[in-house]
Every structure is written in C-alpha cells, then in structure tokens.
Amino acid sequence: MELQMEQVKQVSIKAGRYWEVDVFRGLAIILMVFYHLIWDLNYFGVVELNMIRGPWNWFARGIATMFLTTMGLSLVLSYNRARDKGDAGTLFPKFFWRGARIFGLGMLITAATYLFLDFRGGRGFVIFGILHIIGFSIMAAYPFLPYRRRWFSLALGLLIVAVGFYIGRLVSPSPWLIWLGVKQASRLMVDYFPVLPWFGVALLGIVLGHTLYSGGIRRFSLSDDFYLRPVRGLAFLGRHALLIYLIHQPILLGTLLLLGIGAL
C-alpha cells in the first residue's frame, strides 16, 4: 500500500498537477450529468419540474460556479508553471487557441440544440452556454494572471458579478446583447451563462488560485494519503471533463430512448 501511494505521489508530481483540483472538477462533472439527466426526464414529461427557476436553476448555477472557479484556478497553475520555466510569454497564444477551440465547440452545441430543440419544437436552444463562457474566459483571462494583479482581479470580478445581476433583469427585443447578459424578449434561454456575471466568477477563480496556490505551491495542508481509489476515479473524470461534457448528453438521450422513455 505504501509503495502504491508513493507511485501515485510521483505521478502527480511528474505531471505537475494537484490531484484535488481534478477531484473537484470531477465532482462538478458528476453533478452536471445528474442535472442533465433530470433535465432530460423533465423534457420527456417523466417528471414535472421547473428547471428554469427555483432550486434546480440554482443547482445548475452552482455547478457552473464550480467549473469556472476551477478553470480560473487552473489557469493560475498553468501560468505559474510556465513562469518557472521562463515560458510565461508564450502562454497567450496557447490560451487564446485553447479558448477559441472550446468556444467553437460551444457553437457546435448551439447548432445541435437549435436543430433538435428550437427548430423542431420551439423550446429554446443554447445560445451562450457553459462552453461559450469557458472559452471566452480562457481567452480573456490572460492579462489577469500575474500575481501582482490579484487585487485588481478581485475588485473587477466582484464588480462584474454585481453588474451581471443587474443586467440579468433587462430584456431586449434584439438578440445581439444575449452574450453580454441581456435576455431577448420571448426567447427561452437554455444553459445560459453570459459574460456578465460569469466572467466575474472566472476572475474570482483566478484570485482563489493565487490564494490557495501562491507561487504555484499548495498553501494549505492536504495529505496525499487521501488520494485513494474512489478519489482517483473522480480525478480521472476531472481530467477528461471536456470529453465527458461533449458525449454525456447523446449517451443519456440514447439510453432513455432505448428504454422507451420519450421520443425525439
């Protein structure tokens, strides 16, 4: 057992990762899959729940908060590793193209949900969802990553969140401000995470990264003895969160359809 734990520690150190970050992201992905299972059952009429307002809506917002804060924290860790190697100046293109790819996947989700939800039944589709805001945040976060800008990131993050709550009450006849946080009249917003307030949450994740992992070093006590098999399973899910996000809904829907629950 001691040899096994030592091997796990060596792998973690070699990979330059903190396993607890992957575990937290893995927990978020499990909660997301559960939420979307309930959403699918509600869509097919198996259960009758209000997924747009109330507890289920706040549950979804909580999951998004987990993803975005973890993303901001992870960007800090990546920045610190590159800085230690003298490569911090090369990170902007890397982050930009990573963010652009994720944003592009979000646009594919937009197209797919339009074809299968809005176009066919008028029930709304994903216009600016979790992949859109994650991709945008990765591209926009680079100037805020240096440690010396942590207090500015904190102030701006709180301001964006506050403004976002105000903007979220506004409605426009036009769709052009949806990405910013202004809803369009008479349009159902599905999986909606606009720049205001959610980029602010990403900035707060950056501040959290500087607080918990200042200088790229874990600043709190956590024994690697907790990294047991179930926890490693969560970490595995966390390391493959994007892939799971992309495939989980087709798997859920396919399973429900095969079981005779609902129909497209």
C-alpha atoms as a PDB file:
ATOM      1  CA  MET A   1       0.000   0.000   0.000  1.00  0.00           C
ATOM      2  CA  GLU A   2       2.819   2.389   0.889  1.00  0.00           C
ATOM      3  CA  LEU A   3       4.570   1.611  -2.411  1.00  0.00           C
ATOM      4  CA  GLN A   4       1.320   2.226  -4.306  1.00  0.00           C
ATOM      5  CA  MET A   5       0.769   5.583  -2.608  1.00  0.00           C
ATOM      6  CA  GLU A   6       4.361   6.603  -3.316  1.00  0.00           C
ATOM      7  CA  GLN A   7       3.864   5.792  -7.008  1.00  0.00           C
ATOM      8  CA  VAL A   8       0.700   7.921  -7.056  1.00  0.00           C
ATOM      9  CA  LYS A   9       2.595  10.831  -5.500  1.00  0.00           C
ATOM     10  CA  GLN A  10       5.410  10.529  -8.024  1.00  0.00           C
ATOM     11  CA  VAL A  11       2.964  10.523 -10.946  1.00  0.00           C
ATOM     12  CA  SER A  12       1.183  13.587  -9.514  1.00  0.00           C
ATOM     13  CA  ILE A  13       4.452  15.472  -9.087  1.00  0.00           C
ATOM     14  CA  LYS A  14       5.731  14.478 -12.525  1.00  0.00           C
ATOM     15  CA  ALA A  15       2.530  15.633 -14.191  1.00  0.00           C
ATOM     16  CA  GLY A  16       2.703  18.958 -12.356  1.00  0.00           C
ATOM     17  CA  ARG A  17      -0.908  18.620 -11.264  1.00  0.00           C
ATOM     18  CA  TYR A  18      -2.642  18.920  -7.933  1.00  0.00           C
ATOM     19  CA  TRP A  19      -4.999  15.988  -7.643  1.00  0.00           C
ATOM     20  CA  GLU A  20      -7.521  17.857  -5.504  1.00  0.00           C
ATOM     21  CA  VAL A  21      -8.198  20.265  -8.394  1.00  0.00           C
ATOM     22  CA  ASP A  22      -9.022  17.359 -10.705  1.00  0.00           C
ATOM     23  CA  VAL A  23     -11.175  15.789  -7.973  1.00  0.00           C
ATOM     24  CA  PHE A  24     -13.199  18.993  -7.558  1.00  0.00           C
ATOM     25  CA  ARG A  25     -13.705  19.215 -11.323  1.00  0.00           C
ATOM     26  CA  GLY A  26     -14.663  15.529 -11.384  1.00  0.00           C
ATOM     27  CA  LEU A  27     -17.301  16.144  -8.719  1.00  0.00           C
ATOM     28  CA  ALA A  28     -18.670  19.014 -10.799  1.00  0.00           C
ATOM     29  CA  ILE A  29     -18.924  16.791 -13.887  1.00  0.00           C
ATOM     30  CA  ILE A  30     -20.882  14.138 -11.946  1.00  0.00           C
ATOM     31  CA  LEU A  31     -23.299  16.782 -10.662  1.00  0.00           C
ATOM     32  CA  MET A  32     -23.672  18.126 -14.205  1.00  0.00           C
ATOM     33  CA  VAL A  33     -24.502  14.686 -15.632  1.00  0.00           C
ATOM     34  CA  PHE A  34     -27.073  14.188 -12.865  1.00  0.00           C
ATOM     35  CA  TYR A  35     -28.619  17.602 -13.561  1.00  0.00           C
ATOM     36  CA  HIS A  36     -28.887  16.899 -17.291  1.00  0.00           C
ATOM     37  CA  LEU A  37     -30.460  13.501 -16.600  1.00  0.00           C
ATOM     38  CA  ILE A  38     -33.179  15.250 -14.590  1.00  0.00           C
ATOM     39  CA  TRP A  39     -33.480  17.874 -17.349  1.00  0.00           C
ATOM     40  CA  ASP A  40     -33.970  15.132 -19.959  1.00  0.00           C
ATOM     41  CA  LEU A  41     -36.584  13.371 -17.835  1.00  0.00           C
ATOM     42  CA  ASN A  42     -38.381  16.687 -17.415  1.00  0.00           C
ATOM     43  CA  TYR A  43     -38.162  17.345 -21.176  1.00  0.00           C
ATOM     44  CA  PHE A  44     -39.749  13.951 -21.913  1.00  0.00           C
ATOM     45  CA  GLY A  45     -42.507  14.581 -19.354  1.00  0.00           C
ATOM     46  CA  VAL A  46     -41.463  11.804 -16.975  1.00  0.00           C
ATOM     47  CA  VAL A  47     -41.229  14.362 -14.177  1.00  0.00           C
ATOM     48  CA  GLU A  48     -42.681  17.850 -13.937  1.00  0.00           C
ATOM     49  CA  LEU A  49     -40.128  20.296 -12.576  1.00  0.00           C
ATOM     50  CA  ASN A  50     -39.316  23.950 -13.097  1.00  0.00           C
ATOM     51  CA  MET A  51     -35.749  23.765 -14.393  1.00  0.00           C
ATOM     52  CA  ILE A  52     -35.621  27.456 -15.359  1.00  0.00           C
ATOM     53  CA  ARG A  53     -36.299  28.990 -11.942  1.00  0.00           C
ATOM     54  CA  GLY A  54     -36.030  27.920  -8.325  1.00  0.00           C
ATOM     55  CA  PRO A  55     -33.826  25.252  -6.727  1.00  0.00           C
ATOM     56  CA  TRP A  56     -32.939  23.406  -9.930  1.00  0.00           C
ATOM     57  CA  ASN A  57     -31.826  26.627 -11.579  1.00  0.00           C
ATOM     58  CA  TRP A  58     -29.614  27.469  -8.602  1.00  0.00           C
ATOM     59  CA  PHE A  59     -28.266  23.934  -8.646  1.00  0.00           C
ATOM     60  CA  ALA A  60     -27.165  24.444 -12.264  1.00  0.00           C
ATOM     61  CA  ARG A  61     -25.639  27.829 -11.340  1.00  0.00           C
ATOM     62  CA  GLY A  62     -23.736  26.167  -8.531  1.00  0.00           C
ATOM     63  CA  ILE A  63     -22.266  23.607 -10.933  1.00  0.00           C
ATOM     64  CA  ALA A  64     -21.243  26.384 -13.349  1.00  0.00           C
ATOM     65  CA  THR A  65     -19.577  28.208 -10.460  1.00  0.00           C
ATOM     66  CA  MET A  66     -17.580  25.079  -9.664  1.00  0.00           C
ATOM     67  CA  PHE A  67     -16.401  24.777 -13.267  1.00  0.00           C
ATOM     68  CA  LEU A  68     -15.478  28.442 -13.698  1.00  0.00           C
ATOM     69  CA  THR A  69     -13.664  28.851 -10.390  1.00  0.00           C
ATOM     70  CA  THR A  70     -11.720  25.651 -11.062  1.00  0.00           C
ATOM     71  CA  MET A  71     -10.893  26.914 -14.543  1.00  0.00           C
ATOM     72  CA  GLY A  72      -9.570  30.219 -13.185  1.00  0.00           C
ATOM     73  CA  LEU A  73      -7.546  28.395 -10.549  1.00  0.00           C
ATOM     74  CA  SER A  74      -6.114  26.026 -13.175  1.00  0.00           C
ATOM     75  CA  LEU A  75      -5.073  28.945 -15.383  1.00  0.00           C
ATOM     76  CA  VAL A  76      -3.059  30.320 -12.465  1.00  0.00           C
ATOM     77  CA  LEU A  77      -1.320  26.967 -12.009  1.00  0.00           C
ATOM     78  CA  SER A  78      -0.515  26.788 -15.733  1.00  0.00           C
ATOM     79  CA  TYR A  79       0.781  30.360 -15.685  1.00  0.00           C
ATOM     80  CA  ASN A  80       2.996  29.688 -12.666  1.00  0.00           C
ATOM     81  CA  ARG A  81       4.450  26.527 -14.217  1.00  0.00           C
ATOM     82  CA  ALA A  82       5.250  28.393 -17.438  1.00  0.00           C
ATOM     83  CA  ARG A  83       6.744  31.305 -15.490  1.00  0.00           C
ATOM     84  CA  ASP A  84       9.013  28.961 -13.552  1.00  0.00           C
ATOM     85  CA  LYS A  85      10.259  27.566 -16.864  1.00  0.00           C
ATOM     86  CA  GLY A  86      10.685  31.049 -18.338  1.00  0.00           C
ATOM     87  CA  ASP A  87       7.882  30.442 -20.846  1.00  0.00           C
ATOM     88  CA  ALA A  88       5.176  32.756 -19.466  1.00  0.00           C
ATOM     89  CA  GLY A  89       5.436  34.995 -22.528  1.00  0.00           C
ATOM     90  CA  THR A  90       4.384  32.133 -24.804  1.00  0.00           C
ATOM     91  CA  LEU A  91       1.168  31.387 -22.935  1.00  0.00           C
ATOM     92  CA  PHE A  92      -1.130  33.930 -24.568  1.00  0.00           C
ATOM     93  CA  PRO A  93      -1.292  32.153 -27.972  1.00  0.00           C
ATOM     94  CA  LYS A  94      -1.723  28.833 -26.165  1.00  0.00           C
ATOM     95  CA  PHE A  95      -4.585  30.127 -24.004  1.00  0.00           C
ATOM     96  CA  PHE A  96      -6.155  32.000 -26.911  1.00  0.00           C
ATOM     97  CA  TRP A  97      -6.339  28.972 -29.182  1.00  0.00           C
ATOM     98  CA  ARG A  98      -7.446  26.688 -26.343  1.00  0.00           C
ATOM     99  CA  GLY A  99     -10.239  29.116 -25.519  1.00  0.00           C
ATOM    100  CA  ALA A 100     -11.133  29.503 -29.186  1.00  0.00           C
ATOM    101  CA  ARG A 101     -11.423  25.726 -29.614  1.00  0.00           C
ATOM    102  CA  ILE A 102     -13.699  25.412 -26.592  1.00  0.00           C
ATOM    103  CA  PHE A 103     -15.783  28.373 -27.788  1.00  0.00           C
ATOM    104  CA  GLY A 104     -16.015  26.676 -31.185  1.00  0.00           C
ATOM    105  CA  LEU A 105     -17.305  23.517 -29.511  1.00  0.00           C
ATOM    106  CA  GLY A 106     -19.875  25.709 -27.799  1.00  0.00           C
ATOM    107  CA  MET A 107     -21.005  26.921 -31.228  1.00  0.00           C
ATOM    108  CA  LEU A 108     -21.425  23.295 -32.302  1.00  0.00           C
ATOM    109  CA  ILE A 109     -23.636  22.801 -29.240  1.00  0.00           C
ATOM    110  CA  THR A 110     -25.589  25.877 -30.344  1.00  0.00           C
ATOM    111  CA  ALA A 111     -26.132  24.387 -33.812  1.00  0.00           C
ATOM    112  CA  ALA A 112     -27.069  20.949 -32.469  1.00  0.00           C
ATOM    113  CA  THR A 113     -29.550  22.245 -29.891  1.00  0.00           C
ATOM    114  CA  TYR A 114     -31.099  24.573 -32.465  1.00  0.00           C
ATOM    115  CA  LEU A 115     -31.713  21.671 -34.826  1.00  0.00           C
ATOM    116  CA  PHE A 116     -33.009  19.251 -32.200  1.00  0.00           C
ATOM    117  CA  LEU A 117     -34.769  21.625 -29.776  1.00  0.00           C
ATOM    118  CA  ASP A 118     -35.711  25.057 -31.089  1.00  0.00           C
ATOM    119  CA  PHE A 119     -36.116  24.280 -34.798  1.00  0.00           C
ATOM    120  CA  ARG A 120     -38.254  21.220 -34.139  1.00  0.00           C
ATOM    121  CA  GLY A 121     -40.278  22.245 -31.135  1.00  0.00           C
ATOM    122  CA  GLY A 122     -39.697  25.862 -30.259  1.00  0.00           C
ATOM    123  CA  ARG A 123     -38.393  25.026 -26.762  1.00  0.00           C
ATOM    124  CA  GLY A 124     -35.276  27.175 -26.893  1.00  0.00           C
ATOM    125  CA  PHE A 125     -31.659  26.292 -27.582  1.00  0.00           C
ATOM    126  CA  VAL A 126     -28.194  27.002 -26.181  1.00  0.00           C
ATOM    127  CA  ILE A 127     -27.077  30.413 -27.415  1.00  0.00           C
ATOM    128  CA  PHE A 128     -24.347  31.243 -24.888  1.00  0.00           C
ATOM    129  CA  GLY A 129     -23.797  28.252 -22.648  1.00  0.00           C
ATOM    130  CA  ILE A 130     -21.109  26.918 -20.342  1.00  0.00           C
ATOM    131  CA  LEU A 131     -18.641  26.086 -23.157  1.00  0.00           C
ATOM    132  CA  HIS A 132     -19.045  29.574 -24.614  1.00  0.00           C
ATOM    133  CA  ILE A 133     -18.227  31.281 -21.328  1.00  0.00           C
ATOM    134  CA  ILE A 134     -15.354  28.917 -20.518  1.00  0.00           C
ATOM    135  CA  GLY A 135     -13.828  29.501 -23.962  1.00  0.00           C
ATOM    136  CA  PHE A 136     -14.313  33.258 -23.701  1.00  0.00           C
ATOM    137  CA  SER A 137     -12.871  33.344 -20.190  1.00  0.00           C
ATOM    138  CA  ILE A 138      -9.741  31.405 -21.144  1.00  0.00           C
ATOM    139  CA  MET A 139      -9.080  33.874 -23.966  1.00  0.00           C
ATOM    140  CA  ALA A 140      -9.842  36.967 -21.865  1.00  0.00           C
ATOM    141  CA  ALA A 141      -8.208  35.945 -18.580  1.00  0.00           C
ATOM    142  CA  TYR A 142      -4.542  36.161 -19.607  1.00  0.00           C
ATOM    143  CA  PRO A 143      -3.932  39.820 -18.518  1.00  0.00           C
ATOM    144  CA  PHE A 144      -5.234  38.984 -15.025  1.00  0.00           C
ATOM    145  CA  LEU A 145      -2.982  36.001 -14.314  1.00  0.00           C
ATOM    146  CA  PRO A 146       0.139  37.663 -12.816  1.00  0.00           C
ATOM    147  CA  TYR A 147       0.172  37.591  -9.020  1.00  0.00           C
ATOM    148  CA  ARG A 148       0.606  41.365  -8.784  1.00  0.00           C
ATOM    149  CA  ARG A 149      -2.824  41.863 -10.371  1.00  0.00           C
ATOM    150  CA  ARG A 150      -4.742  39.658  -7.942  1.00  0.00           C
ATOM    151  CA  TRP A 151      -6.404  42.564  -6.082  1.00  0.00           C
ATOM    152  CA  PHE A 152      -7.470  44.156  -9.352  1.00  0.00           C
ATOM    153  CA  SER A 153      -8.878  40.786 -10.437  1.00  0.00           C
ATOM    154  CA  LEU A 154     -10.785  40.540  -7.147  1.00  0.00           C
ATOM    155  CA  ALA A 155     -12.285  44.030  -7.471  1.00  0.00           C
ATOM    156  CA  LEU A 156     -13.160  43.613 -11.144  1.00  0.00           C
ATOM    157  CA  GLY A 157     -14.587  40.141 -10.575  1.00  0.00           C
ATOM    158  CA  LEU A 158     -16.899  41.363  -7.838  1.00  0.00           C
ATOM    159  CA  LEU A 159     -17.920  44.343  -9.974  1.00  0.00           C
ATOM    160  CA  ILE A 160     -18.717  42.146 -12.979  1.00  0.00           C
ATOM    161  CA  VAL A 161     -20.800  39.801 -10.812  1.00  0.00           C
ATOM    162  CA  ALA A 162     -22.718  42.752  -9.320  1.00  0.00           C
ATOM    163  CA  VAL A 163     -23.328  44.366 -12.715  1.00  0.00           C
ATOM    164  CA  GLY A 164     -24.309  40.988 -14.098  1.00  0.00           C
ATOM    165  CA  PHE A 165     -27.107  40.607 -11.566  1.00  0.00           C
ATOM    166  CA  TYR A 166     -28.463  43.991 -12.669  1.00  0.00           C
ATOM    167  CA  ILE A 167     -28.027  43.317 -16.385  1.00  0.00           C
ATOM    168  CA  GLY A 168     -29.779  39.971 -15.952  1.00  0.00           C
ATOM    169  CA  ARG A 169     -33.040  41.788 -15.212  1.00  0.00           C
ATOM    170  CA  LEU A 170     -33.026  43.584 -18.552  1.00  0.00           C
ATOM    171  CA  VAL A 171     -34.863  42.392 -21.664  1.00  0.00           C
ATOM    172  CA  SER A 172     -34.302  43.486 -25.242  1.00  0.00           C
ATOM    173  CA  PRO A 173     -36.209  42.798 -28.459  1.00  0.00           C
ATOM    174  CA  SER A 174     -32.830  42.185 -30.104  1.00  0.00           C
ATOM    175  CA  PRO A 175     -30.649  39.064 -29.745  1.00  0.00           C
ATOM    176  CA  TRP A 176     -27.335  40.959 -30.082  1.00  0.00           C
ATOM    177  CA  LEU A 177     -26.775  41.522 -26.362  1.00  0.00           C
ATOM    178  CA  ILE A 178     -27.543  37.960 -25.280  1.00  0.00           C
ATOM    179  CA  TRP A 179     -23.818  37.141 -24.961  1.00  0.00           C
ATOM    180  CA  LEU A 180     -23.421  40.064 -22.572  1.00  0.00           C
ATOM    181  CA  GLY A 181     -26.331  39.120 -20.298  1.00  0.00           C
ATOM    182  CA  VAL A 182     -29.380  40.929 -21.697  1.00  0.00           C
ATOM    183  CA  LYS A 183     -32.103  38.403 -22.446  1.00  0.00           C
ATOM    184  CA  GLN A 184     -34.146  38.584 -25.610  1.00  0.00           C
ATOM    185  CA  ALA A 185     -37.867  39.040 -25.176  1.00  0.00           C
ATOM    186  CA  SER A 186     -39.983  35.944 -25.807  1.00  0.00           C
ATOM    187  CA  ARG A 187     -36.937  33.652 -26.075  1.00  0.00           C
ATOM    188  CA  LEU A 188     -36.372  30.770 -23.674  1.00  0.00           C
ATOM    189  CA  MET A 189     -32.747  30.791 -22.526  1.00  0.00           C
ATOM    190  CA  VAL A 190     -31.318  27.276 -22.147  1.00  0.00           C
ATOM    191  CA  ASP A 191     -27.974  26.628 -20.407  1.00  0.00           C
ATOM    192  CA  TYR A 192     -27.435  30.394 -20.307  1.00  0.00           C
ATOM    193  CA  PHE A 193     -24.127  31.698 -18.876  1.00  0.00           C
ATOM    194  CA  PRO A 194     -23.380  35.152 -20.330  1.00  0.00           C
ATOM    195  CA  VAL A 195     -20.208  37.189 -19.842  1.00  0.00           C
ATOM    196  CA  LEU A 196     -21.935  39.255 -17.155  1.00  0.00           C
ATOM    197  CA  PRO A 197     -21.760  37.932 -14.427  1.00  0.00           C
ATOM    198  CA  TRP A 198     -19.915  34.694 -15.262  1.00  0.00           C
ATOM    199  CA  PHE A 199     -16.582  36.109 -16.393  1.00  0.00           C
ATOM    200  CA  GLY A 200     -16.503  37.706 -12.960  1.00  0.00           C
ATOM    201  CA  VAL A 201     -16.762  34.240 -11.428  1.00  0.00           C
ATOM    202  CA  ALA A 202     -13.771  33.142 -13.537  1.00  0.00           C
ATOM    203  CA  LEU A 203     -11.777  36.126 -12.237  1.00  0.00           C
ATOM    204  CA  LEU A 204     -12.649  35.143  -8.667  1.00  0.00           C
ATOM    205  CA  GLY A 205     -11.331  31.674  -9.517  1.00  0.00           C
ATOM    206  CA  ILE A 206      -8.032  33.309 -10.506  1.00  0.00           C
ATOM    207  CA  VAL A 207      -7.921  35.072  -7.131  1.00  0.00           C
ATOM    208  CA  LEU A 208      -8.655  31.748  -5.449  1.00  0.00           C
ATOM    209  CA  GLY A 209      -5.755  30.201  -7.359  1.00  0.00           C
ATOM    210  CA  HIS A 210      -3.361  32.898  -6.136  1.00  0.00           C
ATOM    211  CA  THR A 211      -4.643  32.434  -2.597  1.00  0.00           C
ATOM    212  CA  LEU A 212      -4.509  28.648  -2.389  1.00  0.00           C
ATOM    213  CA  TYR A 213      -1.522  28.061  -4.703  1.00  0.00           C
ATOM    214  CA  SER A 214       0.556  31.210  -4.426  1.00  0.00           C
ATOM    215  CA  GLY A 215       3.737  30.846  -6.425  1.00  0.00           C
ATOM    216  CA  GLY A 216       2.494  27.515  -7.760  1.00  0.00           C
ATOM    217  CA  ILE A 217       2.811  25.907  -4.318  1.00  0.00           C
ATOM    218  CA  ARG A 218      -0.059  24.444  -2.320  1.00  0.00           C
ATOM    219  CA  ARG A 219      -0.599  26.812   0.616  1.00  0.00           C
ATOM    220  CA  PHE A 220      -2.766  24.522   2.734  1.00  0.00           C
ATOM    221  CA  SER A 221      -2.278  21.174   4.363  1.00  0.00           C
ATOM    222  CA  LEU A 222      -3.596  18.166   2.450  1.00  0.00           C
ATOM    223  CA  SER A 223      -2.189  14.693   2.829  1.00  0.00           C
ATOM    224  CA  ASP A 224      -1.746  12.643  -0.335  1.00  0.00           C
ATOM    225  CA  ASP A 225      -2.874   9.672   1.764  1.00  0.00           C
ATOM    226  CA  PHE A 226      -6.428  10.781   0.897  1.00  0.00           C
ATOM    227  CA  TYR A 227      -5.740  10.032  -2.764  1.00  0.00           C
ATOM    228  CA  LEU A 228      -7.360   6.599  -2.657  1.00  0.00           C
ATOM    229  CA  ARG A 229      -9.094   4.659  -5.431  1.00  0.00           C
ATOM    230  CA  PRO A 230     -12.527   6.411  -5.335  1.00  0.00           C
ATOM    231  CA  VAL A 231     -10.802   9.778  -5.220  1.00  0.00           C
ATOM    232  CA  ARG A 232      -8.568   8.802  -8.134  1.00  0.00           C
ATOM    233  CA  GLY A 233     -11.735   7.951 -10.051  1.00  0.00           C
ATOM    234  CA  LEU A 234     -13.046  11.472  -9.521  1.00  0.00           C
ATOM    235  CA  ALA A 235      -9.678  12.883 -10.567  1.00  0.00           C
ATOM    236  CA  PHE A 236      -9.823  10.812 -13.767  1.00  0.00           C
ATOM    237  CA  LEU A 237     -13.239  12.271 -14.575  1.00  0.00           C
ATOM    238  CA  GLY A 238     -11.921  15.749 -13.841  1.00  0.00           C
ATOM    239  CA  ARG A 239      -9.003  15.332 -16.238  1.00  0.00           C
ATOM    240  CA  HIS A 240     -11.450  14.344 -19.018  1.00  0.00           C
ATOM    241  CA  ALA A 241     -14.242  16.795 -18.167  1.00  0.00           C
ATOM    242  CA  LEU A 242     -14.485  18.316 -21.655  1.00  0.00           C
ATOM    243  CA  LEU A 243     -14.826  14.946 -23.367  1.00  0.00           C
ATOM    244  CA  ILE A 244     -17.455  13.845 -20.847  1.00  0.00           C
ATOM    245  CA  TYR A 245     -19.372  17.075 -21.384  1.00  0.00           C
ATOM    246  CA  LEU A 246     -19.442  16.503 -25.142  1.00  0.00           C
ATOM    247  CA  ILE A 247     -20.600  12.870 -25.041  1.00  0.00           C
ATOM    248  CA  HIS A 248     -22.773  12.615 -21.946  1.00  0.00           C
ATOM    249  CA  GLN A 249     -25.991  14.038 -23.414  1.00  0.00           C
ATOM    250  CA  PRO A 250     -26.014  11.780 -26.502  1.00  0.00           C
ATOM    251  CA  ILE A 251     -25.413   8.828 -24.169  1.00  0.00           C
ATOM    252  CA  LEU A 252     -28.167   9.911 -21.763  1.00  0.00           C
ATOM    253  CA  LEU A 253     -30.663  10.589 -24.549  1.00  0.00           C
ATOM    254  CA  GLY A 254     -29.787   7.390 -26.380  1.00  0.00           C
ATOM    255  CA  THR A 255     -30.210   5.345 -23.223  1.00  0.00           C
ATOM    256  CA  LEU A 256     -33.568   6.917 -22.410  1.00  0.00           C
ATOM    257  CA  LEU A 257     -34.802   6.384 -25.970  1.00  0.00           C
ATOM    258  CA  LEU A 258     -33.700   2.748 -25.943  1.00  0.00           C
ATOM    259  CA  LEU A 259     -35.597   2.296 -22.692  1.00  0.00           C
ATOM    260  CA  GLY A 260     -38.700   3.740 -24.359  1.00  0.00           C
ATOM    261  CA  ILE A 261     -38.634   6.907 -22.261  1.00  0.00           C
ATOM    262  CA  GLY A 262     -39.600   9.796 -24.512  1.00  0.00           C
ATOM    263  CA  ALA A 263     -39.141  10.358 -28.214  1.00  0.00           C
ATOM    264  CA  LEU A 264     -37.390  12.890 -30.397  1.00  0.00           C
END
